């Protein structure tokens, strides 16, 4: 059985977590973008790209698929979405 621990974030939100992940789900939901390609991704995938300064499609296109997959939090399930948004913008991953 997984033990859920009550936590309080810096903004005072109370939440329960069973993992070591320090991210407050309430804060994370509030900062999720409503539009753009980052809004189409899971929170871990979005945070991985943002952490590495990838916030535009041009920046994403400067990376290879292998480089993107190497980012912690971003897995193969995100690649079809990323390929599609790049293709719609007339871009693609670096070869």
Protein backbone atom coordinates (compact mmCIF):
# COMPACT_ATOMS: atom_id res chain seq x y z
CA UNK A 1 0.00 0.00 0.00
CA UNK A 2 1.32 3.42 -0.94
CA UNK A 3 1.46 6.00 1.81
CA UNK A 4 0.14 9.43 0.83
CA UNK A 5 1.77 12.29 2.66
CA UNK A 6 0.04 15.61 3.29
CA UNK A 7 2.11 18.54 2.02
CA UNK A 8 1.81 22.30 1.83
CA UNK A 9 3.41 24.24 -1.02
CA UNK A 10 5.06 27.67 -0.71
CA UNK A 11 1.76 29.30 -1.72
CA UNK A 12 -0.11 27.51 1.07
CA UNK A 13 -1.95 24.88 -1.00
CA UNK A 14 -2.51 21.63 0.85
CA UNK A 15 -2.28 18.40 -1.18
CA UNK A 16 -1.40 14.73 -0.79
CA UNK A 17 1.48 12.98 -2.60
CA UNK A 18 2.78 9.44 -2.51
CA UNK A 19 5.95 10.20 -4.49
CA UNK A 20 9.01 12.37 -3.88
CA UNK A 21 7.88 14.79 -6.59
CA UNK A 22 7.86 18.29 -5.07
CA UNK A 23 5.41 19.77 -7.60
CA UNK A 24 2.16 21.12 -6.16
CA UNK A 25 -0.67 19.88 -8.41
CA UNK A 26 -2.76 22.97 -7.68
CA UNK A 27 0.02 25.36 -8.71
CA UNK A 28 0.84 23.21 -11.74
CA UNK A 29 -2.76 23.27 -12.97
CA UNK A 30 -2.91 27.06 -12.56
CA UNK A 31 0.24 27.63 -14.63
CA UNK A 32 -0.66 25.26 -17.48
CA UNK A 33 -0.87 27.15 -20.79
CA UNK A 34 -4.25 27.34 -22.46
CA UNK A 35 -2.89 27.53 -26.01
CA UNK A 36 0.19 26.73 -28.02
CA UNK A 37 2.00 23.44 -28.43
CA UNK A 38 2.96 23.23 -24.75
CA UNK A 39 -0.75 23.10 -23.84
CA UNK A 40 -1.04 19.81 -25.73
CA UNK A 41 1.54 18.03 -23.58
CA UNK A 42 1.43 16.36 -20.19
CA UNK A 43 2.74 18.41 -17.29
CA UNK A 44 6.00 16.41 -16.98
CA UNK A 45 6.70 16.74 -20.72
CA UNK A 46 5.92 20.46 -20.65
CA UNK A 47 8.17 21.02 -17.62
CA UNK A 48 11.00 19.08 -19.30
CA UNK A 49 10.90 21.32 -22.37
CA UNK A 50 10.52 24.52 -20.33
CA UNK A 51 13.40 23.51 -18.05
CA UNK A 52 15.63 23.25 -21.11
CA UNK A 53 14.45 26.58 -22.55
CA UNK A 54 12.32 25.05 -25.31
CA UNK A 55 9.18 27.17 -25.42
CA UNK A 56 8.77 27.83 -29.15
CA UNK A 57 8.40 25.56 -32.17
CA UNK A 58 11.58 27.02 -33.68
CA UNK A 59 13.50 26.00 -30.57
CA UNK A 60 11.90 22.55 -30.69
CA UNK A 61 12.84 22.16 -34.37
CA UNK A 62 16.48 22.81 -33.47
CA UNK A 63 16.48 19.51 -31.54
CA UNK A 64 16.51 15.95 -32.83
CA UNK A 65 13.94 13.42 -31.65
CA UNK A 66 16.72 11.61 -29.82
CA UNK A 67 17.68 14.80 -27.95
CA UNK A 68 14.06 15.43 -26.96
CA UNK A 69 13.58 11.84 -25.78
CA UNK A 70 16.68 12.19 -23.59
CA UNK A 71 14.93 14.88 -21.50
CA UNK A 72 13.68 13.57 -18.17
CA UNK A 73 9.88 13.72 -18.19
CA UNK A 74 9.43 13.47 -21.93
CA UNK A 75 8.73 10.05 -23.43
CA UNK A 76 7.79 8.46 -26.74
CA UNK A 77 4.07 9.12 -26.19
CA UNK A 78 4.71 12.86 -26.70
CA UNK A 79 6.50 12.48 -30.02
CA UNK A 80 3.42 12.11 -32.28
CA UNK A 81 1.97 15.34 -30.87
CA UNK A 82 5.27 17.17 -31.28
CA UNK A 83 5.76 15.87 -34.83
CA UNK A 84 2.23 17.00 -35.77
CA UNK A 85 2.58 20.54 -34.40
CA UNK A 86 5.97 20.92 -36.08
CA UNK A 87 4.58 19.65 -39.39
CA UNK A 88 1.60 22.02 -39.17
CA UNK A 89 4.08 24.90 -38.77
CA UNK A 90 6.15 23.70 -41.74
CA UNK A 91 8.96 22.51 -39.46
CA UNK A 92 10.45 19.21 -38.40
CA UNK A 93 12.89 17.80 -35.90
CA UNK A 94 16.58 18.25 -36.66
CA UNK A 95 18.00 15.23 -38.49
